[in-house]
Amino acid sequence: MTGTGGRLAFLGELSQPDGEVVVLGVVEKARGLRGEVVFHPLSRQPQAFTRYRAVRLGDGQGRLSRPVAIASSRVMKEAVIFRLEGIENREQAEELLGCTVALDAGDLPELAEDEYYWRELLGLAVYDADMAYIGKVEALLNNGAHDVLVVTDDKGQEVLLPMVKEIIKQMVVAAKPALVVAPVAGLVDANRDLA
């Protein structure tokens, strides 16, 4: 992907954004003749995309466009179909294939008290109820029923902890972001034994 003068010149110069951005997905294909494109969002709530006013497009190497206005959007099954201002036909839409779709973090909707964004949990220290260090959140996954924390200890061993209220007891410890968990007896050791 190029900045000015290339196939995506309408985006202007690509650069690294000043603030935090959240990657929503990657443009997978063009749809129809009027400039629409399709992607499957990484979020489990594709309908949230219809509330956004603008997105940034990226080259997959950390460079993003200025915010580009969304002309229209809709959700079909789990896919998002959208058209950007300035994209009027299929040929222009095809230029967007493979582009990262991103959003400025400040444009994300506010969450209810019991909700969270995965990005807020990555890197957090995890302690048990006795304040013994378990590890750091390295990743999250969803098993269909709930999210699961992938916690890695100092030895590189992984512990999988379900993100359910019976196990996650606190989200903050002494004003330093952390998680306090009360895992079912033997859960942490059983996970480590699998490594």
C-alpha atoms as a PDB file:
ATOM      1  CA  MET A   1       0.000   0.000   0.000  1.00  0.00           C
ATOM      2  CA  THR A   2       1.278   3.439  -0.722  1.00  0.00           C
ATOM      3  CA  GLY A   3       0.478   6.920   0.413  1.00  0.00           C
ATOM      4  CA  THR A   4       0.159   9.776  -2.050  1.00  0.00           C
ATOM      5  CA  GLY A   5       0.433   8.938  -5.721  1.00  0.00           C
ATOM      6  CA  GLY A   6      -0.195   5.188  -5.333  1.00  0.00           C
ATOM      7  CA  ARG A   7      -3.212   2.969  -5.709  1.00  0.00           C
ATOM      8  CA  LEU A   8      -4.708   4.383  -2.480  1.00  0.00           C
ATOM      9  CA  ALA A   9      -3.803   8.026  -2.996  1.00  0.00           C
ATOM     10  CA  PHE A  10      -7.194   9.149  -1.644  1.00  0.00           C
ATOM     11  CA  LEU A  11      -6.007   8.114   1.831  1.00  0.00           C
ATOM     12  CA  GLY A  12      -3.219  10.680   1.834  1.00  0.00           C
ATOM     13  CA  GLU A  13       0.099   9.969   3.494  1.00  0.00           C
ATOM     14  CA  LEU A  14       0.114   6.897   5.725  1.00  0.00           C
ATOM     15  CA  SER A  15       1.766   7.305   9.102  1.00  0.00           C
ATOM     16  CA  GLN A  16       1.906   5.883  12.597  1.00  0.00           C
ATOM     17  CA  PRO A  17      -1.011   7.256  14.616  1.00  0.00           C
ATOM     18  CA  ASP A  18      -0.375   9.503  17.613  1.00  0.00           C
ATOM     19  CA  GLY A  19      -2.876   7.759  19.887  1.00  0.00           C
ATOM     20  CA  GLU A  20      -3.952   4.209  20.513  1.00  0.00           C
ATOM     21  CA  VAL A  21      -5.877   2.424  17.774  1.00  0.00           C
ATOM     22  CA  VAL A  22      -7.834  -0.814  17.844  1.00  0.00           C
ATOM     23  CA  VAL A  23      -7.704  -3.181  14.885  1.00  0.00           C
ATOM     24  CA  LEU A  24     -11.200  -4.323  13.943  1.00  0.00           C
ATOM     25  CA  GLY A  25     -10.309  -6.698  11.112  1.00  0.00           C
ATOM     26  CA  VAL A  26      -9.036  -6.887   7.527  1.00  0.00           C
ATOM     27  CA  VAL A  27     -10.911  -6.078   4.316  1.00  0.00           C
ATOM     28  CA  GLU A  28     -11.583  -9.452   2.712  1.00  0.00           C
ATOM     29  CA  LYS A  29     -13.438  -8.703  -0.506  1.00  0.00           C
ATOM     30  CA  ALA A  30     -15.320  -6.171  -2.586  1.00  0.00           C
ATOM     31  CA  ARG A  31     -19.086  -6.548  -2.783  1.00  0.00           C
ATOM     32  CA  GLY A  32     -21.317  -5.353  -5.578  1.00  0.00           C
ATOM     33  CA  LEU A  33     -20.662  -2.501  -7.984  1.00  0.00           C
ATOM     34  CA  ARG A  34     -21.066   0.548  -5.703  1.00  0.00           C
ATOM     35  CA  GLY A  35     -17.820   0.436  -3.728  1.00  0.00           C
ATOM     36  CA  GLU A  36     -18.747  -1.738  -0.758  1.00  0.00           C
ATOM     37  CA  VAL A  37     -16.258  -4.017   0.985  1.00  0.00           C
ATOM     38  CA  VAL A  38     -16.637  -6.863   3.466  1.00  0.00           C
ATOM     39  CA  PHE A  39     -14.749  -7.929   6.574  1.00  0.00           C
ATOM     40  CA  HIS A  40     -15.375 -10.173   9.572  1.00  0.00           C
ATOM     41  CA  PRO A  41     -14.681  -8.149  12.726  1.00  0.00           C
ATOM     42  CA  LEU A  42     -12.522  -9.587  15.477  1.00  0.00           C
ATOM     43  CA  SER A  43     -15.194  -8.481  17.942  1.00  0.00           C
ATOM     44  CA  ARG A  44     -18.109 -10.710  18.855  1.00  0.00           C
ATOM     45  CA  GLN A  45     -20.387  -7.708  18.292  1.00  0.00           C
ATOM     46  CA  PRO A  46     -20.266  -6.861  14.571  1.00  0.00           C
ATOM     47  CA  GLN A  47     -23.354  -4.642  14.923  1.00  0.00           C
ATOM     48  CA  ALA A  48     -21.231  -2.159  16.907  1.00  0.00           C
ATOM     49  CA  PHE A  49     -19.554  -1.179  13.623  1.00  0.00           C
ATOM     50  CA  THR A  50     -22.759   0.491  12.427  1.00  0.00           C
ATOM     51  CA  ARG A  51     -22.327   3.153  15.152  1.00  0.00           C
ATOM     52  CA  TYR A  52     -18.866   4.238  13.990  1.00  0.00           C
ATOM     53  CA  ARG A  53     -18.509   7.358  11.855  1.00  0.00           C
ATOM     54  CA  ALA A  54     -14.964   6.878  10.560  1.00  0.00           C
ATOM     55  CA  VAL A  55     -12.213   4.259  10.412  1.00  0.00           C
ATOM     56  CA  ARG A  56      -8.537   4.223   9.549  1.00  0.00           C
ATOM     57  CA  LEU A  57      -7.129   1.881   6.927  1.00  0.00           C
ATOM     58  CA  GLY A  58      -3.722   0.345   7.412  1.00  0.00           C
ATOM     59  CA  ASP A  59      -1.032  -1.351   5.389  1.00  0.00           C
ATOM     60  CA  GLY A  60      -0.413  -4.110   7.955  1.00  0.00           C
ATOM     61  CA  GLN A  61       2.935  -2.598   8.928  1.00  0.00           C
ATOM     62  CA  GLY A  62       1.764  -0.071  11.510  1.00  0.00           C
ATOM     63  CA  ARG A  63       1.045   2.765   9.077  1.00  0.00           C
ATOM     64  CA  LEU A  64      -2.516   4.020   9.033  1.00  0.00           C
ATOM     65  CA  SER A  65      -4.515   6.573   7.090  1.00  0.00           C
ATOM     66  CA  ARG A  66      -6.230   9.603   8.498  1.00  0.00           C
ATOM     67  CA  PRO A  67      -9.795   8.799   9.643  1.00  0.00           C
ATOM     68  CA  VAL A  68     -11.990   8.164   6.592  1.00  0.00           C
ATOM     69  CA  ALA A  69     -15.758   8.720   6.917  1.00  0.00           C
ATOM     70  CA  ILE A  70     -18.040   5.707   6.622  1.00  0.00           C
ATOM     71  CA  ALA A  71     -20.729   6.413   4.004  1.00  0.00           C
ATOM     72  CA  SER A  72     -22.830   3.342   4.848  1.00  0.00           C
ATOM     73  CA  SER A  73     -22.597   0.115   6.808  1.00  0.00           C
ATOM     74  CA  ARG A  74     -24.661  -2.909   7.679  1.00  0.00           C
ATOM     75  CA  VAL A  75     -24.221  -6.343   9.200  1.00  0.00           C
ATOM     76  CA  MET A  76     -25.041  -9.545   7.354  1.00  0.00           C
ATOM     77  CA  LYS A  77     -24.663 -12.678   9.474  1.00  0.00           C
ATOM     78  CA  GLU A  78     -21.243 -12.174  11.143  1.00  0.00           C
ATOM     79  CA  ALA A  79     -19.779  -9.966   8.392  1.00  0.00           C
ATOM     80  CA  VAL A  80     -19.722  -6.180   8.134  1.00  0.00           C
ATOM     81  CA  ILE A  81     -20.419  -4.616   4.751  1.00  0.00           C
ATOM     82  CA  PHE A  82     -19.431  -0.965   4.453  1.00  0.00           C
ATOM     83  CA  ARG A  83     -18.562   1.791   2.013  1.00  0.00           C
ATOM     84  CA  LEU A  84     -16.211   4.704   2.654  1.00  0.00           C
ATOM     85  CA  GLU A  85     -16.697   8.264   1.475  1.00  0.00           C
ATOM     86  CA  GLY A  86     -14.920   8.649  -1.862  1.00  0.00           C
ATOM     87  CA  ILE A  87     -15.233   4.995  -2.840  1.00  0.00           C
ATOM     88  CA  GLU A  88     -17.885   4.855  -5.543  1.00  0.00           C
ATOM     89  CA  ASN A  89     -17.273   1.693  -7.576  1.00  0.00           C
ATOM     90  CA  ARG A  90     -15.994  -1.858  -7.433  1.00  0.00           C
ATOM     91  CA  GLU A  91     -12.565  -1.007  -8.849  1.00  0.00           C
ATOM     92  CA  GLN A  92     -11.917   1.471  -6.028  1.00  0.00           C
ATOM     93  CA  ALA A  93     -13.242  -1.042  -3.480  1.00  0.00           C
ATOM     94  CA  GLU A  94     -10.867  -3.710  -4.758  1.00  0.00           C
ATOM     95  CA  GLU A  95      -7.959  -1.384  -3.942  1.00  0.00           C
ATOM     96  CA  LEU A  96      -8.867  -1.839  -0.264  1.00  0.00           C
ATOM     97  CA  LEU A  97      -8.447  -5.636  -0.233  1.00  0.00           C
ATOM     98  CA  GLY A  98      -6.062  -6.671   2.532  1.00  0.00           C
ATOM     99  CA  CYS A  99      -6.219  -3.308   4.297  1.00  0.00           C
ATOM    100  CA  THR A 100      -6.449  -3.327   8.072  1.00  0.00           C
ATOM    101  CA  VAL A 101      -9.621  -1.686   9.391  1.00  0.00           C
ATOM    102  CA  ALA A 102      -8.875   0.215  12.610  1.00  0.00           C
ATOM    103  CA  LEU A 103     -10.568   2.633  14.961  1.00  0.00           C
ATOM    104  CA  ASP A 104      -9.161   5.279  17.263  1.00  0.00           C
ATOM    105  CA  ALA A 105      -9.487   3.838  20.785  1.00  0.00           C
ATOM    106  CA  GLY A 106     -11.274   6.980  21.946  1.00  0.00           C
ATOM    107  CA  ASP A 107     -14.070   6.258  19.467  1.00  0.00           C
ATOM    108  CA  LEU A 108     -14.953   2.914  21.062  1.00  0.00           C
ATOM    109  CA  PRO A 109     -18.344   2.862  22.780  1.00  0.00           C
ATOM    110  CA  GLU A 110     -18.482   3.071  26.553  1.00  0.00           C
ATOM    111  CA  LEU A 111     -19.012  -0.239  28.273  1.00  0.00           C
ATOM    112  CA  ALA A 112     -21.412  -1.330  30.961  1.00  0.00           C
ATOM    113  CA  GLU A 113     -19.947  -1.877  34.420  1.00  0.00           C
ATOM    114  CA  ASP A 114     -19.500  -5.633  33.953  1.00  0.00           C
ATOM    115  CA  GLU A 115     -18.033  -5.392  30.422  1.00  0.00           C
ATOM    116  CA  TYR A 116     -14.423  -4.997  29.278  1.00  0.00           C
ATOM    117  CA  TYR A 117     -12.309  -4.794  26.166  1.00  0.00           C
ATOM    118  CA  TRP A 118      -9.753  -7.558  25.708  1.00  0.00           C
ATOM    119  CA  ARG A 119      -7.036  -4.966  25.152  1.00  0.00           C
ATOM    120  CA  GLU A 120      -7.612  -3.715  28.720  1.00  0.00           C
ATOM    121  CA  LEU A 121      -6.652  -7.106  30.165  1.00  0.00           C
ATOM    122  CA  LEU A 122      -3.551  -7.884  28.127  1.00  0.00           C
ATOM    123  CA  GLY A 123      -0.413  -7.519  30.223  1.00  0.00           C
ATOM    124  CA  LEU A 124      -2.195  -7.421  33.584  1.00  0.00           C
ATOM    125  CA  ALA A 125      -0.618  -9.238  36.517  1.00  0.00           C
ATOM    126  CA  VAL A 126      -2.769 -12.022  37.968  1.00  0.00           C
ATOM    127  CA  TYR A 127      -2.752 -12.962  41.672  1.00  0.00           C
ATOM    128  CA  ASP A 128      -4.685 -15.526  43.659  1.00  0.00           C
ATOM    129  CA  ALA A 129      -6.811 -14.620  46.679  1.00  0.00           C
ATOM    130  CA  ASP A 130      -3.715 -14.913  48.952  1.00  0.00           C
ATOM    131  CA  MET A 131      -1.901 -12.405  46.684  1.00  0.00           C
ATOM    132  CA  ALA A 132       0.471 -15.068  45.344  1.00  0.00           C
ATOM    133  CA  TYR A 133       1.574 -14.162  41.817  1.00  0.00           C
ATOM    134  CA  ILE A 134       0.180 -16.498  39.140  1.00  0.00           C
ATOM    135  CA  GLY A 135       1.433 -14.727  36.027  1.00  0.00           C
ATOM    136  CA  LYS A 136       0.607 -12.161  33.367  1.00  0.00           C
ATOM    137  CA  VAL A 137      -2.278 -12.127  30.881  1.00  0.00           C
ATOM    138  CA  GLU A 138      -0.677 -12.892  27.518  1.00  0.00           C
ATOM    139  CA  ALA A 139      -3.818 -13.511  25.450  1.00  0.00           C
ATOM    140  CA  LEU A 140      -7.525 -14.165  25.577  1.00  0.00           C
ATOM    141  CA  LEU A 141      -9.692 -16.585  23.701  1.00  0.00           C
ATOM    142  CA  ASN A 142     -13.375 -17.363  23.628  1.00  0.00           C
ATOM    143  CA  ASN A 143     -14.640 -20.913  24.012  1.00  0.00           C
ATOM    144  CA  GLY A 144     -18.196 -20.111  22.956  1.00  0.00           C
ATOM    145  CA  ALA A 145     -19.488 -19.880  26.525  1.00  0.00           C
ATOM    146  CA  HIS A 146     -17.122 -17.223  27.922  1.00  0.00           C
ATOM    147  CA  ASP A 147     -13.727 -15.630  27.547  1.00  0.00           C
ATOM    148  CA  VAL A 148     -10.639 -17.451  28.811  1.00  0.00           C
ATOM    149  CA  LEU A 149      -7.490 -15.729  30.063  1.00  0.00           C
ATOM    150  CA  VAL A 150      -4.189 -17.183  28.898  1.00  0.00           C
ATOM    151  CA  VAL A 151      -1.875 -16.406  31.821  1.00  0.00           C
ATOM    152  CA  THR A 152       1.864 -17.079  31.566  1.00  0.00           C
ATOM    153  CA  ASP A 153       4.007 -17.438  34.693  1.00  0.00           C
ATOM    154  CA  ASP A 154       7.684 -16.539  35.100  1.00  0.00           C
ATOM    155  CA  LYS A 155       8.738 -19.970  33.823  1.00  0.00           C
ATOM    156  CA  GLY A 156       6.733 -19.594  30.627  1.00  0.00           C
ATOM    157  CA  GLN A 157       4.038 -22.047  31.663  1.00  0.00           C
ATOM    158  CA  GLU A 158       0.474 -21.202  30.659  1.00  0.00           C
ATOM    159  CA  VAL A 159      -2.556 -21.256  32.897  1.00  0.00           C
ATOM    160  CA  LEU A 160      -6.034 -20.965  31.376  1.00  0.00           C
ATOM    161  CA  LEU A 161      -8.533 -19.158  33.591  1.00  0.00           C
ATOM    162  CA  PRO A 162     -12.205 -18.786  32.659  1.00  0.00           C
ATOM    163  CA  MET A 163     -13.310 -15.157  32.744  1.00  0.00           C
ATOM    164  CA  VAL A 164     -16.354 -15.765  34.941  1.00  0.00           C
ATOM    165  CA  LYS A 165     -17.421 -13.921  38.079  1.00  0.00           C
ATOM    166  CA  GLU A 166     -16.942 -17.028  40.230  1.00  0.00           C
ATOM    167  CA  ILE A 167     -13.212 -16.927  39.445  1.00  0.00           C
ATOM    168  CA  ILE A 168     -12.391 -13.272  38.680  1.00  0.00           C
ATOM    169  CA  LYS A 169     -12.809 -11.465  41.992  1.00  0.00           C
ATOM    170  CA  GLN A 170     -11.204  -8.034  41.465  1.00  0.00           C
ATOM    171  CA  MET A 171      -9.910  -6.055  38.533  1.00  0.00           C
ATOM    172  CA  VAL A 172      -7.610  -3.656  40.417  1.00  0.00           C
ATOM    173  CA  VAL A 173      -5.211  -4.057  43.342  1.00  0.00           C
ATOM    174  CA  ALA A 174      -3.841  -1.016  45.231  1.00  0.00           C
ATOM    175  CA  ALA A 175      -4.408   1.308  42.247  1.00  0.00           C
ATOM    176  CA  LYS A 176      -2.072  -0.816  40.119  1.00  0.00           C
ATOM    177  CA  PRO A 177      -3.989  -2.640  37.395  1.00  0.00           C
ATOM    178  CA  ALA A 178      -4.156  -6.334  38.206  1.00  0.00           C
ATOM    179  CA  LEU A 179      -6.568  -9.227  38.461  1.00  0.00           C
ATOM    180  CA  VAL A 180      -7.295 -11.197  41.619  1.00  0.00           C
ATOM    181  CA  VAL A 181      -8.691 -14.638  40.940  1.00  0.00           C
ATOM    182  CA  ALA A 182     -10.088 -17.422  43.057  1.00  0.00           C
ATOM    183  CA  PRO A 183      -9.718 -20.421  40.771  1.00  0.00           C
ATOM    184  CA  VAL A 184     -11.410 -23.724  41.512  1.00  0.00           C
ATOM    185  CA  ALA A 185      -9.132 -25.882  43.662  1.00  0.00           C
ATOM    186  CA  GLY A 186      -6.430 -27.476  41.534  1.00  0.00           C
ATOM    187  CA  LEU A 187      -7.210 -25.496  38.356  1.00  0.00           C
ATOM    188  CA  VAL A 188      -3.890 -23.620  38.228  1.00  0.00           C
ATOM    189  CA  ASP A 189      -1.794 -26.701  38.980  1.00  0.00           C
ATOM    190  CA  ALA A 190      -3.776 -28.821  36.514  1.00  0.00           C
ATOM    191  CA  ASN A 191      -3.143 -26.268  33.762  1.00  0.00           C
ATOM    192  CA  ARG A 192       0.587 -26.179  34.527  1.00  0.00           C
ATOM    193  CA  ASP A 193       0.783 -29.967  34.474  1.00  0.00           C
ATOM    194  CA  LEU A 194      -0.455 -29.908  30.860  1.00  0.00           C
ATOM    195  CA  ALA A 195       2.521 -27.796  29.743  1.00  0.00           C
END
